[in-house]
Amino acid sequence: RDTEMANVIKVYYTMIDHDGITGPTRFVKGSQKRSACGEKFKEEESILAYAPRGSALLMDLRVWHGGTVNTSQFARPMIGAHHQAPHKEPSNQENPRPYTF
């Protein structure tokens, strides 16, 4: 299996500024490579994605990520879209949540 190739790409579209008050999305550096190999690892360096309203944040779906604290009085809405390679079926590792339509 090619652990370098992302089979699923996620795009977050920010609907408000993601700053120090609303809280940026946090990404764990290099986690997509380690999780693709099935290695256990502790969380290391994180990168914060400060982004103005209307930005598109692209990521390999295997990247460990999450929101940081929103200390504003407003919600932090985002729109997320998944783009999957047409030749791949999602695995539990790439798409851990079961979807029912």
PDB file of N, CA and C in Angstrom:
ATOM      1  N   ARG A   1       0.843  -1.182   0.000  1.00  0.00           N
ATOM      2  CA  ARG A   1       0.000   0.000   0.000  1.00  0.00           C
ATOM      3  C   ARG A   1       0.885   1.241   0.000  1.00  0.00           C
ATOM      4  N   ASP A   2       0.512   2.206  -0.786  1.00  0.00           N
ATOM      5  CA  ASP A   2       1.269   3.458  -0.867  1.00  0.00           C
ATOM      6  C   ASP A   2       0.830   4.377   0.269  1.00  0.00           C
ATOM      7  N   THR A   3       1.664   4.474   1.307  1.00  0.00           N
ATOM      8  CA  THR A   3       1.302   5.289   2.469  1.00  0.00           C
ATOM      9  C   THR A   3       1.495   6.773   2.217  1.00  0.00           C
ATOM     10  N   GLU A   4       2.139   7.138   1.118  1.00  0.00           N
ATOM     11  CA  GLU A   4       2.341   8.548   0.811  1.00  0.00           C
ATOM     12  C   GLU A   4       1.130   9.162   0.123  1.00  0.00           C
ATOM     13  N   MET A   5       0.335   8.354  -0.559  1.00  0.00           N
ATOM     14  CA  MET A   5      -0.781   8.856  -1.350  1.00  0.00           C
ATOM     15  C   MET A   5      -2.039   8.988  -0.499  1.00  0.00           C
ATOM     16  N   ALA A   6      -2.628  10.165  -0.542  1.00  0.00           N
ATOM     17  CA  ALA A   6      -3.899  10.380   0.166  1.00  0.00           C
ATOM     18  C   ALA A   6      -5.033   9.867  -0.707  1.00  0.00           C
ATOM     19  N   ASN A   7      -5.861   8.990  -0.162  1.00  0.00           N
ATOM     20  CA  ASN A   7      -7.009   8.479  -0.903  1.00  0.00           C
ATOM     21  C   ASN A   7      -8.245   9.345  -0.699  1.00  0.00           C
ATOM     22  N   VAL A   8      -8.263  10.084   0.406  1.00  0.00           N
ATOM     23  CA  VAL A   8      -9.386  10.975   0.692  1.00  0.00           C
ATOM     24  C   VAL A   8      -8.823  12.332   1.107  1.00  0.00           C
ATOM     25  N   ILE A   9      -9.297  13.375   0.459  1.00  0.00           N
ATOM     26  CA  ILE A   9      -8.922  14.745   0.792  1.00  0.00           C
ATOM     27  C   ILE A   9     -10.149  15.426   1.370  1.00  0.00           C
ATOM     28  N   LYS A  10      -9.956  16.157   2.443  1.00  0.00           N
ATOM     29  CA  LYS A  10     -11.047  16.909   3.059  1.00  0.00           C
ATOM     30  C   LYS A  10     -10.766  18.388   2.856  1.00  0.00           C
ATOM     31  N   VAL A  11     -11.811  19.145   2.556  1.00  0.00           N
ATOM     32  CA  VAL A  11     -11.704  20.590   2.419  1.00  0.00           C
ATOM     33  C   VAL A  11     -12.673  21.217   3.409  1.00  0.00           C
ATOM     34  N   TYR A  12     -12.138  22.077   4.283  1.00  0.00           N
ATOM     35  CA  TYR A  12     -12.966  22.873   5.186  1.00  0.00           C
ATOM     36  C   TYR A  12     -13.057  24.279   4.610  1.00  0.00           C
ATOM     37  N   TYR A  13     -14.255  24.801   4.490  1.00  0.00           N
ATOM     38  CA  TYR A  13     -14.467  26.182   4.063  1.00  0.00           C
ATOM     39  C   TYR A  13     -14.877  26.976   5.295  1.00  0.00           C
ATOM     40  N   THR A  14     -14.086  27.976   5.645  1.00  0.00           N
ATOM     41  CA  THR A  14     -14.360  28.763   6.853  1.00  0.00           C
ATOM     42  C   THR A  14     -15.423  29.815   6.553  1.00  0.00           C
ATOM     43  N   MET A  15     -16.410  29.904   7.424  1.00  0.00           N
ATOM     44  CA  MET A  15     -17.495  30.862   7.235  1.00  0.00           C
ATOM     45  C   MET A  15     -17.330  32.092   8.118  1.00  0.00           C
ATOM     46  N   ILE A  16     -16.375  32.015   9.053  1.00  0.00           N
ATOM     47  CA  ILE A  16     -15.975  33.166   9.864  1.00  0.00           C
ATOM     48  C   ILE A  16     -14.455  33.115   9.987  1.00  0.00           C
ATOM     49  N   ASP A  17     -13.845  34.182  10.464  1.00  0.00           N
ATOM     50  CA  ASP A  17     -12.404  34.164  10.699  1.00  0.00           C
ATOM     51  C   ASP A  17     -12.065  33.110  11.748  1.00  0.00           C
ATOM     52  N   HIS A  18     -11.011  32.368  11.511  1.00  0.00           N
ATOM     53  CA  HIS A  18     -10.484  31.429  12.506  1.00  0.00           C
ATOM     54  C   HIS A  18      -9.231  32.092  13.072  1.00  0.00           C
ATOM     55  N   ASP A  19      -9.401  32.702  14.228  1.00  0.00           N
ATOM     56  CA  ASP A  19      -8.321  33.486  14.828  1.00  0.00           C
ATOM     57  C   ASP A  19      -8.127  33.070  16.277  1.00  0.00           C
ATOM     58  N   GLY A  20      -7.409  33.869  17.035  1.00  0.00           N
ATOM     59  CA  GLY A  20      -7.135  33.547  18.430  1.00  0.00           C
ATOM     60  C   GLY A  20      -8.361  33.573  19.321  1.00  0.00           C
ATOM     61  N   ILE A  21      -9.433  34.195  18.877  1.00  0.00           N
ATOM     62  CA  ILE A  21     -10.661  34.259  19.672  1.00  0.00           C
ATOM     63  C   ILE A  21     -11.620  33.131  19.288  1.00  0.00           C
ATOM     64  N   THR A  22     -11.843  32.926  17.991  1.00  0.00           N
ATOM     65  CA  THR A  22     -12.764  31.870  17.557  1.00  0.00           C
ATOM     66  C   THR A  22     -12.104  30.502  17.549  1.00  0.00           C
ATOM     67  N   GLY A  23     -10.789  30.464  17.565  1.00  0.00           N
ATOM     68  CA  GLY A  23     -10.050  29.196  17.638  1.00  0.00           C
ATOM     69  C   GLY A  23      -9.775  28.588  16.281  1.00  0.00           C
ATOM     70  N   PRO A  24      -8.503  28.449  15.918  1.00  0.00           N
ATOM     71  CA  PRO A  24      -8.147  27.822  14.646  1.00  0.00           C
ATOM     72  C   PRO A  24      -8.215  26.292  14.742  1.00  0.00           C
ATOM     73  N   THR A  25      -8.255  25.651  13.590  1.00  0.00           N
ATOM     74  CA  THR A  25      -8.157  24.198  13.548  1.00  0.00           C
ATOM     75  C   THR A  25      -6.702  23.819  13.830  1.00  0.00           C
ATOM     76  N   ARG A  26      -6.525  22.732  14.575  1.00  0.00           N
ATOM     77  CA  ARG A  26      -5.193  22.258  14.955  1.00  0.00           C
ATOM     78  C   ARG A  26      -4.899  20.969  14.197  1.00  0.00           C
ATOM     79  N   PHE A  27      -3.720  20.911  13.591  1.00  0.00           N
ATOM     80  CA  PHE A  27      -3.280  19.726  12.854  1.00  0.00           C
ATOM     81  C   PHE A  27      -2.019  19.169  13.502  1.00  0.00           C
ATOM     82  N   VAL A  28      -1.941  17.849  13.653  1.00  0.00           N
ATOM     83  CA  VAL A  28      -0.744  17.207  14.214  1.00  0.00           C
ATOM     84  C   VAL A  28       0.199  16.898  13.055  1.00  0.00           C
ATOM     85  N   LYS A  29       1.336  17.545  13.083  1.00  0.00           N
ATOM     86  CA  LYS A  29       2.316  17.479  12.007  1.00  0.00           C
ATOM     87  C   LYS A  29       2.768  16.037  11.740  1.00  0.00           C
ATOM     88  N   GLY A  30       2.664  15.619  10.472  1.00  0.00           N
ATOM     89  CA  GLY A  30       3.144  14.306  10.050  1.00  0.00           C
ATOM     90  C   GLY A  30       2.282  13.125  10.448  1.00  0.00           C
ATOM     91  N   SER A  31       1.156  13.353  11.095  1.00  0.00           N
ATOM     92  CA  SER A  31       0.353  12.229  11.604  1.00  0.00           C
ATOM     93  C   SER A  31      -0.232  11.364  10.498  1.00  0.00           C
ATOM     94  N   GLN A  32      -0.451  11.906   9.309  1.00  0.00           N
ATOM     95  CA  GLN A  32      -0.997  11.095   8.216  1.00  0.00           C
ATOM     96  C   GLN A  32      -0.033   9.993   7.805  1.00  0.00           C
ATOM     97  N   LYS A  33       1.255  10.226   7.892  1.00  0.00           N
ATOM     98  CA  LYS A  33       2.231   9.200   7.520  1.00  0.00           C
ATOM     99  C   LYS A  33       2.286   8.107   8.564  1.00  0.00           C
ATOM    100  N   ARG A  34       2.243   8.480   9.827  1.00  0.00           N
ATOM    101  CA  ARG A  34       2.330   7.485  10.895  1.00  0.00           C
ATOM    102  C   ARG A  34       1.045   6.686  11.000  1.00  0.00           C
ATOM    103  N   SER A  35      -0.110   7.325  10.871  1.00  0.00           N
ATOM    104  CA  SER A  35      -1.356   6.579  10.985  1.00  0.00           C
ATOM    105  C   SER A  35      -1.554   5.658   9.787  1.00  0.00           C
ATOM    106  N   ALA A  36      -1.029   6.026   8.610  1.00  0.00           N
ATOM    107  CA  ALA A  36      -1.142   5.175   7.428  1.00  0.00           C
ATOM    108  C   ALA A  36      -0.365   3.878   7.597  1.00  0.00           C
ATOM    109  N   CYS A  37       0.723   3.923   8.341  1.00  0.00           N
ATOM    110  CA  CYS A  37       1.545   2.730   8.575  1.00  0.00           C
ATOM    111  C   CYS A  37       1.023   1.897   9.738  1.00  0.00           C
ATOM    112  N   GLY A  38       0.020   2.400  10.446  1.00  0.00           N
ATOM    113  CA  GLY A  38      -0.528   1.693  11.589  1.00  0.00           C
ATOM    114  C   GLY A  38       0.313   1.821  12.842  1.00  0.00           C
ATOM    115  N   GLU A  39       1.285   2.723  12.832  1.00  0.00           N
ATOM    116  CA  GLU A  39       2.146   2.902  13.993  1.00  0.00           C
ATOM    117  C   GLU A  39       1.407   3.602  15.123  1.00  0.00           C
ATOM    118  N   LYS A  40       1.696   3.199  16.334  1.00  0.00           N
ATOM    119  CA  LYS A  40       1.199   3.912  17.517  1.00  0.00           C
ATOM    120  C   LYS A  40       2.187   5.025  17.807  1.00  0.00           C
ATOM    121  N   PHE A  41       1.665   6.187  18.108  1.00  0.00           N
ATOM    122  CA  PHE A  41       2.567   7.290  18.425  1.00  0.00           C
ATOM    123  C   PHE A  41       1.858   8.273  19.323  1.00  0.00           C
ATOM    124  N   LYS A  42       2.649   9.001  20.074  1.00  0.00           N
ATOM    125  CA  LYS A  42       2.075  10.030  20.918  1.00  0.00           C
ATOM    126  C   LYS A  42       1.981  11.321  20.117  1.00  0.00           C
ATOM    127  N   GLU A  43       1.033  12.130  20.506  1.00  0.00           N
ATOM    128  CA  GLU A  43       0.836  13.406  19.814  1.00  0.00           C
ATOM    129  C   GLU A  43       2.036  14.300  20.033  1.00  0.00           C
ATOM    130  N   GLU A  44       2.525  14.843  18.951  1.00  0.00           N
ATOM    131  CA  GLU A  44       3.713  15.682  19.019  1.00  0.00           C
ATOM    132  C   GLU A  44       3.365  17.107  18.605  1.00  0.00           C
ATOM    133  N   GLU A  45       4.178  17.687  17.762  1.00  0.00           N
ATOM    134  CA  GLU A  45       4.007  19.080  17.361  1.00  0.00           C
ATOM    135  C   GLU A  45       2.705  19.311  16.595  1.00  0.00           C
ATOM    136  N   SER A  46       2.010  20.374  16.961  1.00  0.00           N
ATOM    137  CA  SER A  46       0.785  20.764  16.271  1.00  0.00           C
ATOM    138  C   SER A  46       0.997  22.070  15.527  1.00  0.00           C
ATOM    139  N   ILE A  47       0.217  22.227  14.490  1.00  0.00           N
ATOM    140  CA  ILE A  47       0.215  23.461  13.708  1.00  0.00           C
ATOM    141  C   ILE A  47      -1.194  24.021  13.768  1.00  0.00           C
ATOM    142  N   LEU A  48      -1.312  25.313  14.048  1.00  0.00           N
ATOM    143  CA  LEU A  48      -2.607  25.976  14.102  1.00  0.00           C
ATOM    144  C   LEU A  48      -2.870  26.675  12.775  1.00  0.00           C
ATOM    145  N   ALA A  49      -4.055  26.453  12.212  1.00  0.00           N
ATOM    146  CA  ALA A  49      -4.415  27.033  10.916  1.00  0.00           C
ATOM    147  C   ALA A  49      -5.289  28.265  11.134  1.00  0.00           C
ATOM    148  N   TYR A  50      -4.633  29.405  11.354  1.00  0.00           N
ATOM    149  CA  TYR A  50      -5.358  30.671  11.422  1.00  0.00           C
ATOM    150  C   TYR A  50      -5.786  31.001   9.995  1.00  0.00           C
ATOM    151  N   ALA A  51      -7.063  31.297   9.788  1.00  0.00           N
ATOM    152  CA  ALA A  51      -7.551  31.501   8.428  1.00  0.00           C
ATOM    153  C   ALA A  51      -8.673  32.529   8.417  1.00  0.00           C
ATOM    154  N   PRO A  52      -8.630  33.447   7.461  1.00  0.00           N
ATOM    155  CA  PRO A  52      -9.722  34.404   7.357  1.00  0.00           C
ATOM    156  C   PRO A  52     -10.988  33.755   6.786  1.00  0.00           C
ATOM    157  N   ARG A  53     -12.109  34.384   7.027  1.00  0.00           N
ATOM    158  CA  ARG A  53     -13.391  33.913   6.491  1.00  0.00           C
ATOM    159  C   ARG A  53     -13.261  33.708   4.977  1.00  0.00           C
ATOM    160  N   GLY A  54     -13.835  32.612   4.492  1.00  0.00           N
ATOM    161  CA  GLY A  54     -13.796  32.305   3.073  1.00  0.00           C
ATOM    162  C   GLY A  54     -12.610  31.461   2.643  1.00  0.00           C
ATOM    163  N   SER A  55     -11.756  31.069   3.587  1.00  0.00           N
ATOM    164  CA  SER A  55     -10.596  30.242   3.256  1.00  0.00           C
ATOM    165  C   SER A  55     -11.011  28.793   3.010  1.00  0.00           C
ATOM    166  N   ALA A  56     -10.181  28.086   2.282  1.00  0.00           N
ATOM    167  CA  ALA A  56     -10.350  26.648   2.078  1.00  0.00           C
ATOM    168  C   ALA A  56      -9.129  25.961   2.668  1.00  0.00           C
ATOM    169  N   LEU A  57      -9.335  25.109   3.673  1.00  0.00           N
ATOM    170  CA  LEU A  57      -8.253  24.346   4.296  1.00  0.00           C
ATOM    171  C   LEU A  57      -8.304  22.926   3.740  1.00  0.00           C
ATOM    172  N   LEU A  58      -7.263  22.503   3.046  1.00  0.00           N
ATOM    173  CA  LEU A  58      -7.196  21.162   2.469  1.00  0.00           C
ATOM    174  C   LEU A  58      -6.333  20.269   3.341  1.00  0.00           C
ATOM    175  N   MET A  59      -6.769  19.032   3.499  1.00  0.00           N
ATOM    176  CA  MET A  59      -6.011  18.108   4.328  1.00  0.00           C
ATOM    177  C   MET A  59      -6.220  16.671   3.879  1.00  0.00           C
ATOM    178  N   ASP A  60      -5.221  15.855   4.123  1.00  0.00           N
ATOM    179  CA  ASP A  60      -5.321  14.406   3.996  1.00  0.00           C
ATOM    180  C   ASP A  60      -6.213  13.962   5.160  1.00  0.00           C
ATOM    181  N   LEU A  61      -7.229  13.172   4.886  1.00  0.00           N
ATOM    182  CA  LEU A  61      -8.174  12.788   5.935  1.00  0.00           C
ATOM    183  C   LEU A  61      -7.519  12.006   7.074  1.00  0.00           C
ATOM    184  N   ARG A  62      -6.334  11.434   6.845  1.00  0.00           N
ATOM    185  CA  ARG A  62      -5.651  10.673   7.893  1.00  0.00           C
ATOM    186  C   ARG A  62      -4.980  11.568   8.932  1.00  0.00           C
ATOM    187  N   VAL A  63      -4.872  12.861   8.657  1.00  0.00           N
ATOM    188  CA  VAL A  63      -4.220  13.783   9.592  1.00  0.00           C
ATOM    189  C   VAL A  63      -5.054  13.904  10.870  1.00  0.00           C
ATOM    190  N   TRP A  64      -4.385  13.786  12.010  1.00  0.00           N
ATOM    191  CA  TRP A  64      -5.056  14.048  13.283  1.00  0.00           C
ATOM    192  C   TRP A  64      -5.311  15.534  13.351  1.00  0.00           C
ATOM    193  N   HIS A  65      -6.557  15.909  13.611  1.00  0.00           N
ATOM    194  CA  HIS A  65      -6.922  17.314  13.630  1.00  0.00           C
ATOM    195  C   HIS A  65      -8.093  17.539  14.584  1.00  0.00           C
ATOM    196  N   GLY A  66      -8.300  18.790  14.934  1.00  0.00           N
ATOM    197  CA  GLY A  66      -9.424  19.133  15.795  1.00  0.00           C
ATOM    198  C   GLY A  66      -9.495  20.630  16.011  1.00  0.00           C
ATOM    199  N   GLY A  67     -10.617  21.063  16.493  1.00  0.00           N
ATOM    200  CA  GLY A  67     -10.793  22.474  16.783  1.00  0.00           C
ATOM    201  C   GLY A  67     -10.152  22.847  18.110  1.00  0.00           C
ATOM    202  N   THR A  68      -9.753  24.097  18.232  1.00  0.00           N
ATOM    203  CA  THR A  68      -9.246  24.619  19.500  1.00  0.00           C
ATOM    204  C   THR A  68     -10.366  25.403  20.167  1.00  0.00           C
ATOM    205  N   VAL A  69     -10.122  25.919  21.344  1.00  0.00           N
ATOM    206  CA  VAL A  69     -11.163  26.579  22.134  1.00  0.00           C
ATOM    207  C   VAL A  69     -11.672  27.841  21.437  1.00  0.00           C
ATOM    208  N   ASN A  70     -12.986  27.941  21.344  1.00  0.00           N
ATOM    209  CA  ASN A  70     -13.657  29.114  20.805  1.00  0.00           C
ATOM    210  C   ASN A  70     -14.139  29.933  22.003  1.00  0.00           C
ATOM    211  N   THR A  71     -13.462  31.058  22.271  1.00  0.00           N
ATOM    212  CA  THR A  71     -13.831  31.892  23.415  1.00  0.00           C
ATOM    213  C   THR A  71     -14.758  33.043  23.026  1.00  0.00           C
ATOM    214  N   SER A  72     -15.165  33.084  21.764  1.00  0.00           N
ATOM    215  CA  SER A  72     -16.089  34.133  21.329  1.00  0.00           C
ATOM    216  C   SER A  72     -17.509  33.766  21.764  1.00  0.00           C
ATOM    217  N   GLN A  73     -18.424  34.663  21.530  1.00  0.00           N
ATOM    218  CA  GLN A  73     -19.830  34.400  21.855  1.00  0.00           C
ATOM    219  C   GLN A  73     -20.580  33.802  20.666  1.00  0.00           C
ATOM    220  N   PHE A  74     -19.851  33.531  19.579  1.00  0.00           N
ATOM    221  CA  PHE A  74     -20.469  33.036  18.355  1.00  0.00           C
ATOM    222  C   PHE A  74     -20.024  31.622  18.029  1.00  0.00           C
ATOM    223  N   ALA A  75     -20.854  30.921  17.281  1.00  0.00           N
ATOM    224  CA  ALA A  75     -20.490  29.592  16.790  1.00  0.00           C
ATOM    225  C   ALA A  75     -19.391  29.728  15.744  1.00  0.00           C
ATOM    226  N   ARG A  76     -18.716  28.629  15.440  1.00  0.00           N
ATOM    227  CA  ARG A  76     -17.635  28.619  14.454  1.00  0.00           C
ATOM    228  C   ARG A  76     -18.041  27.681  13.313  1.00  0.00           C
ATOM    229  N   PRO A  77     -18.946  28.131  12.444  1.00  0.00           N
ATOM    230  CA  PRO A  77     -19.420  27.235  11.378  1.00  0.00           C
ATOM    231  C   PRO A  77     -18.380  27.040  10.279  1.00  0.00           C
ATOM    232  N   MET A  78     -18.367  25.831   9.741  1.00  0.00           N
ATOM    233  CA  MET A  78     -17.524  25.486   8.594  1.00  0.00           C
ATOM    234  C   MET A  78     -18.325  24.539   7.717  1.00  0.00           C
ATOM    235  N   ILE A  79     -17.989  24.509   6.467  1.00  0.00           N
ATOM    236  CA  ILE A  79     -18.547  23.526   5.545  1.00  0.00           C
ATOM    237  C   ILE A  79     -17.411  22.579   5.199  1.00  0.00           C
ATOM    238  N   GLY A  80     -17.671  21.290   5.260  1.00  0.00           N
ATOM    239  CA  GLY A  80     -16.650  20.298   4.945  1.00  0.00           C
ATOM    240  C   GLY A  80     -17.061  19.450   3.759  1.00  0.00           C
ATOM    241  N   ALA A  81     -16.128  19.201   2.872  1.00  0.00           N
ATOM    242  CA  ALA A  81     -16.375  18.330   1.721  1.00  0.00           C
ATOM    243  C   ALA A  81     -15.257  17.301   1.652  1.00  0.00           C
ATOM    244  N   HIS A  82     -15.624  16.052   1.352  1.00  0.00           N
ATOM    245  CA  HIS A  82     -14.655  14.979   1.177  1.00  0.00           C
ATOM    246  C   HIS A  82     -14.542  14.664  -0.310  1.00  0.00           C
ATOM    247  N   HIS A  83     -13.320  14.474  -0.755  1.00  0.00           N
ATOM    248  CA  HIS A  83     -13.068  14.098  -2.141  1.00  0.00           C
ATOM    249  C   HIS A  83     -12.255  12.808  -2.107  1.00  0.00           C
ATOM    250  N   GLN A  84     -12.823  11.741  -2.683  1.00  0.00           N
ATOM    251  CA  GLN A  84     -12.196  10.425  -2.615  1.00  0.00           C
ATOM    252  C   GLN A  84     -11.692  10.001  -3.984  1.00  0.00           C
ATOM    253  N   ALA A  85     -10.537   9.347  -4.000  1.00  0.00           N
ATOM    254  CA  ALA A  85     -10.014   8.793  -5.245  1.00  0.00           C
ATOM    255  C   ALA A  85     -11.048   7.822  -5.809  1.00  0.00           C
ATOM    256  N   PRO A  86     -11.350   7.907  -7.095  1.00  0.00           N
ATOM    257  CA  PRO A  86     -12.432   7.081  -7.659  1.00  0.00           C
ATOM    258  C   PRO A  86     -12.141   5.585  -7.631  1.00  0.00           C
ATOM    259  N   HIS A  87     -10.899   5.193  -7.514  1.00  0.00           N
ATOM    260  CA  HIS A  87     -10.539   3.776  -7.544  1.00  0.00           C
ATOM    261  C   HIS A  87     -10.454   3.154  -6.149  1.00  0.00           C
ATOM    262  N   LYS A  88     -10.755   3.920  -5.105  1.00  0.00           N
ATOM    263  CA  LYS A  88     -10.586   3.412  -3.743  1.00  0.00           C
ATOM    264  C   LYS A  88     -11.906   3.361  -2.999  1.00  0.00           C
ATOM    265  N   GLU A  89     -12.089   2.295  -2.256  1.00  0.00           N
ATOM    266  CA  GLU A  89     -13.190   2.204  -1.297  1.00  0.00           C
ATOM    267  C   GLU A  89     -12.657   2.721   0.028  1.00  0.00           C
ATOM    268  N   PRO A  90     -13.443   3.493   0.796  1.00  0.00           N
ATOM    269  CA  PRO A  90     -12.932   3.987   2.076  1.00  0.00           C
ATOM    270  C   PRO A  90     -12.726   2.847   3.060  1.00  0.00           C
ATOM    271  N   SER A  91     -11.630   2.915   3.799  1.00  0.00           N
ATOM    272  CA  SER A  91     -11.393   1.955   4.870  1.00  0.00           C
ATOM    273  C   SER A  91     -11.808   2.605   6.179  1.00  0.00           C
ATOM    274  N   ASN A  92     -11.897   1.835   7.237  1.00  0.00           N
ATOM    275  CA  ASN A  92     -12.233   2.411   8.542  1.00  0.00           C
ATOM    276  C   ASN A  92     -11.190   3.412   8.986  1.00  0.00           C
ATOM    277  N   GLN A  93      -9.935   3.223   8.583  1.00  0.00           N
ATOM    278  CA  GLN A  93      -8.872   4.136   8.977  1.00  0.00           C
ATOM    279  C   GLN A  93      -9.029   5.482   8.272  1.00  0.00           C
ATOM    280  N   GLU A  94      -9.431   5.462   7.005  1.00  0.00           N
ATOM    281  CA  GLU A  94      -9.577   6.697   6.253  1.00  0.00           C
ATOM    282  C   GLU A  94     -10.913   7.375   6.520  1.00  0.00           C
ATOM    283  N   ASN A  95     -11.910   6.619   6.910  1.00  0.00           N
ATOM    284  CA  ASN A  95     -13.246   7.150   7.114  1.00  0.00           C
ATOM    285  C   ASN A  95     -13.846   6.453   8.325  1.00  0.00           C
ATOM    286  N   PRO A  96     -13.440   6.862   9.537  1.00  0.00           N
ATOM    287  CA  PRO A  96     -13.776   6.099  10.738  1.00  0.00           C
ATOM    288  C   PRO A  96     -15.239   6.117  11.133  1.00  0.00           C
ATOM    289  N   ARG A  97     -16.043   7.014  10.591  1.00  0.00           N
ATOM    290  CA  ARG A  97     -17.447   7.089  10.984  1.00  0.00           C
ATOM    291  C   ARG A  97     -18.324   6.416   9.930  1.00  0.00           C
ATOM    292  N   PRO A  98     -19.179   5.502  10.336  1.00  0.00           N
ATOM    293  CA  PRO A  98     -20.070   4.888   9.348  1.00  0.00           C
ATOM    294  C   PRO A  98     -21.161   5.883   8.935  1.00  0.00           C
ATOM    295  N   TYR A  99     -21.416   5.984   7.657  1.00  0.00           N
ATOM    296  CA  TYR A  99     -22.447   6.880   7.163  1.00  0.00           C
ATOM    297  C   TYR A  99     -23.626   6.064   6.664  1.00  0.00           C
ATOM    298  N   THR A 100     -24.813   6.471   7.040  1.00  0.00           N
ATOM    299  CA  THR A 100     -26.038   5.817   6.592  1.00  0.00           C
ATOM    300  C   THR A 100     -26.906   6.875   5.934  1.00  0.00           C
ATOM    301  N   PHE A 101     -27.361   6.568   4.735  1.00  0.00           N
ATOM    302  CA  PHE A 101     -28.216   7.519   4.020  1.00  0.00           C
ATOM    303  C   PHE A 101     -29.585   6.924   3.825  1.00  0.00           C
TER     304      PHE A 101
END
